Amino acid sequence: MSRTLGIREVKARFSHYVELVRAEGEIIITDRGKPVARLSGLRETPSRSLEEVLQEMADTGLIDLGSPRPAEPVLEKARAGVSVSKVVREMRR
């Protein structure tokens, strides 16, 4: 069941309404009587690493991971007296 509340009320008592969402599931937020947002709880999902998420996206065709690029020794160049901004400009070319 969702509850409808004005934006000022939600702003004034946000922590209270976050707890309410945990208990009831959802709040519709209105601005001058018109619905503008929905505050809802997060579903419990198992934690996944970034690599796992990217691989799943690649497997479903949403992204192309391409070929891995070798890491450039940016830090070593910067330590050798070359400014970081110069190293970045060189990398962009």
N, C-alpha and C. Protein backbone atom coordinates (compact mmCIF):
# COMPACT_ATOMS: atom_id res chain seq x y z
N MET A 1 0.84 -1.17 0.00
CA MET A 1 0.00 0.00 0.00
C MET A 1 0.89 1.24 0.00
N SER A 2 0.61 2.18 -0.88
CA SER A 2 1.41 3.40 -0.91
C SER A 2 0.63 4.56 -0.31
N ARG A 3 1.38 5.45 0.29
CA ARG A 3 0.83 6.63 0.94
C ARG A 3 1.24 7.83 0.11
N THR A 4 0.39 8.84 -0.01
CA THR A 4 0.70 10.05 -0.75
C THR A 4 0.91 11.20 0.22
N LEU A 5 2.05 11.89 0.07
CA LEU A 5 2.41 12.99 0.97
C LEU A 5 2.99 14.15 0.18
N GLY A 6 2.80 15.34 0.69
CA GLY A 6 3.36 16.53 0.08
C GLY A 6 4.85 16.63 0.31
N ILE A 7 5.52 17.29 -0.63
CA ILE A 7 6.97 17.39 -0.58
C ILE A 7 7.45 18.12 0.68
N ARG A 8 6.72 19.13 1.13
CA ARG A 8 7.13 19.86 2.34
C ARG A 8 7.07 18.96 3.57
N GLU A 9 6.04 18.17 3.67
CA GLU A 9 5.90 17.25 4.81
C GLU A 9 7.04 16.23 4.80
N VAL A 10 7.33 15.68 3.64
CA VAL A 10 8.40 14.67 3.54
C VAL A 10 9.74 15.31 3.89
N LYS A 11 9.98 16.52 3.38
CA LYS A 11 11.23 17.22 3.66
C LYS A 11 11.40 17.48 5.16
N ALA A 12 10.33 17.89 5.80
CA ALA A 12 10.39 18.23 7.22
C ALA A 12 10.64 17.01 8.10
N ARG A 13 10.17 15.84 7.68
CA ARG A 13 10.28 14.64 8.51
C ARG A 13 10.84 13.46 7.72
N PHE A 14 11.88 13.73 6.93
CA PHE A 14 12.40 12.72 6.00
C PHE A 14 12.78 11.41 6.69
N SER A 15 13.52 11.48 7.79
CA SER A 15 13.94 10.26 8.49
C SER A 15 12.75 9.42 8.90
N HIS A 16 11.70 10.07 9.37
CA HIS A 16 10.48 9.36 9.76
C HIS A 16 9.90 8.61 8.56
N TYR A 17 9.86 9.26 7.41
CA TYR A 17 9.26 8.63 6.24
C TYR A 17 10.14 7.54 5.63
N VAL A 18 11.44 7.64 5.82
CA VAL A 18 12.31 6.54 5.41
C VAL A 18 11.98 5.29 6.22
N GLU A 19 11.78 5.47 7.51
CA GLU A 19 11.38 4.35 8.36
C GLU A 19 10.01 3.81 7.94
N LEU A 20 9.11 4.71 7.58
CA LEU A 20 7.78 4.30 7.12
C LEU A 20 7.88 3.47 5.84
N VAL A 21 8.77 3.87 4.95
CA VAL A 21 8.97 3.12 3.71
C VAL A 21 9.49 1.73 4.03
N ARG A 22 10.38 1.62 5.00
CA ARG A 22 10.87 0.30 5.39
C ARG A 22 9.72 -0.59 5.85
N ALA A 23 8.78 0.01 6.55
CA ALA A 23 7.66 -0.77 7.09
C ALA A 23 6.56 -1.02 6.06
N GLU A 24 6.22 0.01 5.29
CA GLU A 24 5.07 -0.09 4.39
C GLU A 24 5.43 -0.28 2.92
N GLY A 25 6.64 0.09 2.52
CA GLY A 25 7.06 -0.19 1.15
C GLY A 25 7.17 0.98 0.20
N GLU A 26 6.30 2.00 0.28
CA GLU A 26 6.35 3.04 -0.73
C GLU A 26 5.60 4.29 -0.30
N ILE A 27 6.12 5.45 -0.74
CA ILE A 27 5.44 6.73 -0.53
C ILE A 27 5.47 7.48 -1.86
N ILE A 28 4.34 8.03 -2.25
CA ILE A 28 4.27 8.90 -3.42
C ILE A 28 4.38 10.33 -2.92
N ILE A 29 5.31 11.09 -3.50
CA ILE A 29 5.54 12.47 -3.08
C ILE A 29 4.91 13.40 -4.11
N THR A 30 4.15 14.38 -3.61
CA THR A 30 3.47 15.31 -4.50
C THR A 30 4.02 16.72 -4.31
N ASP A 31 3.91 17.51 -5.37
CA ASP A 31 4.25 18.93 -5.32
C ASP A 31 3.03 19.68 -5.83
N ARG A 32 2.40 20.43 -4.94
CA ARG A 32 1.16 21.14 -5.25
C ARG A 32 0.08 20.19 -5.76
N GLY A 33 0.02 19.03 -5.13
CA GLY A 33 -1.02 18.06 -5.43
C GLY A 33 -0.74 17.12 -6.59
N LYS A 34 0.36 17.33 -7.31
CA LYS A 34 0.68 16.47 -8.46
C LYS A 34 1.81 15.51 -8.08
N PRO A 35 1.66 14.24 -8.36
CA PRO A 35 2.73 13.28 -8.05
C PRO A 35 4.00 13.61 -8.83
N VAL A 36 5.13 13.66 -8.12
CA VAL A 36 6.40 13.98 -8.77
C VAL A 36 7.50 12.95 -8.49
N ALA A 37 7.34 12.15 -7.45
CA ALA A 37 8.39 11.19 -7.11
C ALA A 37 7.81 10.04 -6.31
N ARG A 38 8.58 8.98 -6.26
CA ARG A 38 8.20 7.80 -5.47
C ARG A 38 9.39 7.45 -4.60
N LEU A 39 9.16 7.31 -3.31
CA LEU A 39 10.18 6.87 -2.37
C LEU A 39 9.86 5.43 -2.02
N SER A 40 10.78 4.55 -2.40
CA SER A 40 10.53 3.13 -2.13
C SER A 40 11.80 2.48 -1.60
N GLY A 41 11.64 1.38 -0.93
CA GLY A 41 12.77 0.67 -0.36
C GLY A 41 13.53 -0.10 -1.42
N LEU A 42 14.74 -0.46 -1.08
CA LEU A 42 15.56 -1.27 -1.97
C LEU A 42 15.29 -2.74 -1.73
N ARG A 43 15.28 -3.46 -2.81
CA ARG A 43 15.15 -4.91 -2.68
C ARG A 43 16.48 -5.49 -2.23
N GLU A 44 16.41 -6.49 -1.43
CA GLU A 44 17.64 -7.14 -0.99
C GLU A 44 18.20 -7.95 -2.16
N THR A 45 19.41 -7.62 -2.56
CA THR A 45 20.08 -8.36 -3.62
C THR A 45 21.46 -8.73 -3.14
N PRO A 46 21.95 -9.86 -3.57
CA PRO A 46 23.30 -10.22 -3.16
C PRO A 46 24.31 -9.24 -3.73
N SER A 47 25.32 -8.94 -2.96
CA SER A 47 26.37 -8.03 -3.42
C SER A 47 27.16 -8.67 -4.54
N ARG A 48 27.44 -7.87 -5.56
CA ARG A 48 28.25 -8.35 -6.68
C ARG A 48 29.35 -7.34 -6.93
N SER A 49 30.45 -7.83 -7.42
CA SER A 49 31.56 -6.93 -7.73
C SER A 49 31.27 -6.21 -9.04
N LEU A 50 31.98 -5.14 -9.26
CA LEU A 50 31.84 -4.39 -10.50
C LEU A 50 32.15 -5.28 -11.71
N GLU A 51 33.16 -6.11 -11.58
CA GLU A 51 33.53 -6.99 -12.67
C GLU A 51 32.40 -7.95 -13.02
N GLU A 52 31.71 -8.47 -11.99
CA GLU A 52 30.60 -9.38 -12.23
C GLU A 52 29.44 -8.67 -12.95
N VAL A 53 29.15 -7.45 -12.54
CA VAL A 53 28.07 -6.69 -13.16
C VAL A 53 28.41 -6.38 -14.61
N LEU A 54 29.65 -5.92 -14.86
CA LEU A 54 30.07 -5.62 -16.23
C LEU A 54 30.05 -6.86 -17.11
N GLN A 55 30.49 -7.99 -16.56
CA GLN A 55 30.50 -9.22 -17.34
C GLN A 55 29.07 -9.65 -17.69
N GLU A 56 28.15 -9.51 -16.74
CA GLU A 56 26.75 -9.85 -17.01
C GLU A 56 26.18 -8.94 -18.10
N MET A 57 26.52 -7.66 -18.05
CA MET A 57 26.05 -6.73 -19.08
C MET A 57 26.64 -7.09 -20.44
N ALA A 58 27.90 -7.50 -20.47
CA ALA A 58 28.53 -7.91 -21.72
C ALA A 58 27.89 -9.19 -22.25
N ASP A 59 27.59 -10.13 -21.35
CA ASP A 59 26.98 -11.39 -21.76
C ASP A 59 25.60 -11.19 -22.38
N THR A 60 24.87 -10.18 -21.90
CA THR A 60 23.53 -9.92 -22.44
C THR A 60 23.56 -8.97 -23.63
N GLY A 61 24.75 -8.48 -23.99
CA GLY A 61 24.88 -7.62 -25.16
C GLY A 61 24.64 -6.14 -24.90
N LEU A 62 24.53 -5.75 -23.64
CA LEU A 62 24.29 -4.34 -23.33
C LEU A 62 25.54 -3.49 -23.53
N ILE A 63 26.71 -4.07 -23.29
CA ILE A 63 27.96 -3.34 -23.47
C ILE A 63 28.97 -4.24 -24.16
N ASP A 64 30.01 -3.61 -24.70
CA ASP A 64 31.13 -4.34 -25.29
C ASP A 64 32.35 -4.01 -24.46
N LEU A 65 32.92 -4.99 -23.83
CA LEU A 65 34.07 -4.75 -22.96
C LEU A 65 35.33 -4.43 -23.74
N GLY A 66 35.36 -4.77 -25.02
CA GLY A 66 36.54 -4.47 -25.83
C GLY A 66 37.75 -5.24 -25.35
N SER A 67 38.90 -4.85 -25.86
CA SER A 67 40.12 -5.53 -25.43
C SER A 67 40.78 -4.73 -24.31
N PRO A 68 41.38 -5.41 -23.37
CA PRO A 68 42.01 -4.69 -22.26
C PRO A 68 43.21 -3.89 -22.74
N ARG A 69 43.37 -2.69 -22.19
CA ARG A 69 44.51 -1.84 -22.51
C ARG A 69 45.57 -2.05 -21.44
N PRO A 70 46.82 -2.10 -21.86
CA PRO A 70 47.86 -2.20 -20.83
C PRO A 70 47.93 -0.90 -20.04
N ALA A 71 48.16 -1.03 -18.76
CA ALA A 71 48.25 0.14 -17.90
C ALA A 71 49.52 0.92 -18.23
N GLU A 72 49.38 2.24 -18.33
CA GLU A 72 50.55 3.07 -18.60
C GLU A 72 51.15 3.53 -17.27
N PRO A 73 52.45 3.65 -17.23
CA PRO A 73 53.11 4.02 -15.97
C PRO A 73 52.97 5.52 -15.68
N VAL A 74 51.75 5.97 -15.44
CA VAL A 74 51.49 7.39 -15.21
C VAL A 74 52.20 7.88 -13.97
N LEU A 75 52.12 7.12 -12.91
CA LEU A 75 52.72 7.55 -11.65
C LEU A 75 54.24 7.69 -11.78
N GLU A 76 54.87 6.76 -12.49
CA GLU A 76 56.32 6.82 -12.64
C GLU A 76 56.72 8.05 -13.44
N LYS A 77 55.95 8.40 -14.47
CA LYS A 77 56.25 9.60 -15.25
C LYS A 77 56.11 10.84 -14.37
N ALA A 78 55.06 10.87 -13.56
CA ALA A 78 54.85 12.03 -12.70
C ALA A 78 55.97 12.15 -11.67
N ARG A 79 56.41 11.04 -11.16
CA ARG A 79 57.51 11.07 -10.19
C ARG A 79 58.82 11.50 -10.83
N ALA A 80 58.94 11.29 -12.14
CA ALA A 80 60.18 11.63 -12.84
C ALA A 80 60.25 13.12 -13.16
N GLY A 81 59.32 13.91 -12.62
CA GLY A 81 59.38 15.35 -12.83
C GLY A 81 58.45 15.87 -13.89
N VAL A 82 57.66 14.99 -14.51
CA VAL A 82 56.69 15.41 -15.51
C VAL A 82 55.37 15.68 -14.78
N SER A 83 54.72 16.80 -15.10
CA SER A 83 53.47 17.12 -14.41
C SER A 83 52.38 16.13 -14.79
N VAL A 84 51.48 15.90 -13.87
CA VAL A 84 50.37 14.98 -14.12
C VAL A 84 49.51 15.47 -15.27
N SER A 85 49.27 16.78 -15.36
CA SER A 85 48.44 17.31 -16.45
C SER A 85 49.09 17.04 -17.80
N LYS A 86 50.43 17.12 -17.88
CA LYS A 86 51.11 16.82 -19.14
C LYS A 86 50.97 15.34 -19.49
N VAL A 87 51.09 14.47 -18.51
CA VAL A 87 50.93 13.04 -18.74
C VAL A 87 49.53 12.74 -19.25
N VAL A 88 48.51 13.38 -18.66
CA VAL A 88 47.13 13.15 -19.08
C VAL A 88 46.94 13.65 -20.51
N ARG A 89 47.50 14.82 -20.85
CA ARG A 89 47.38 15.34 -22.23
C ARG A 89 48.00 14.36 -23.21
N GLU A 90 49.15 13.79 -22.86
CA GLU A 90 49.80 12.82 -23.75
C GLU A 90 48.95 11.56 -23.92
N MET A 91 48.30 11.13 -22.85
CA MET A 91 47.47 9.93 -22.91
C MET A 91 46.25 10.14 -23.80
N ARG A 92 45.75 11.37 -23.85
CA ARG A 92 44.55 11.66 -24.63
C ARG A 92 44.83 11.72 -26.12
N ARG A 93 46.08 11.85 -26.52
CA ARG A 93 46.42 11.93 -27.95
C ARG A 93 46.39 10.60 -28.61
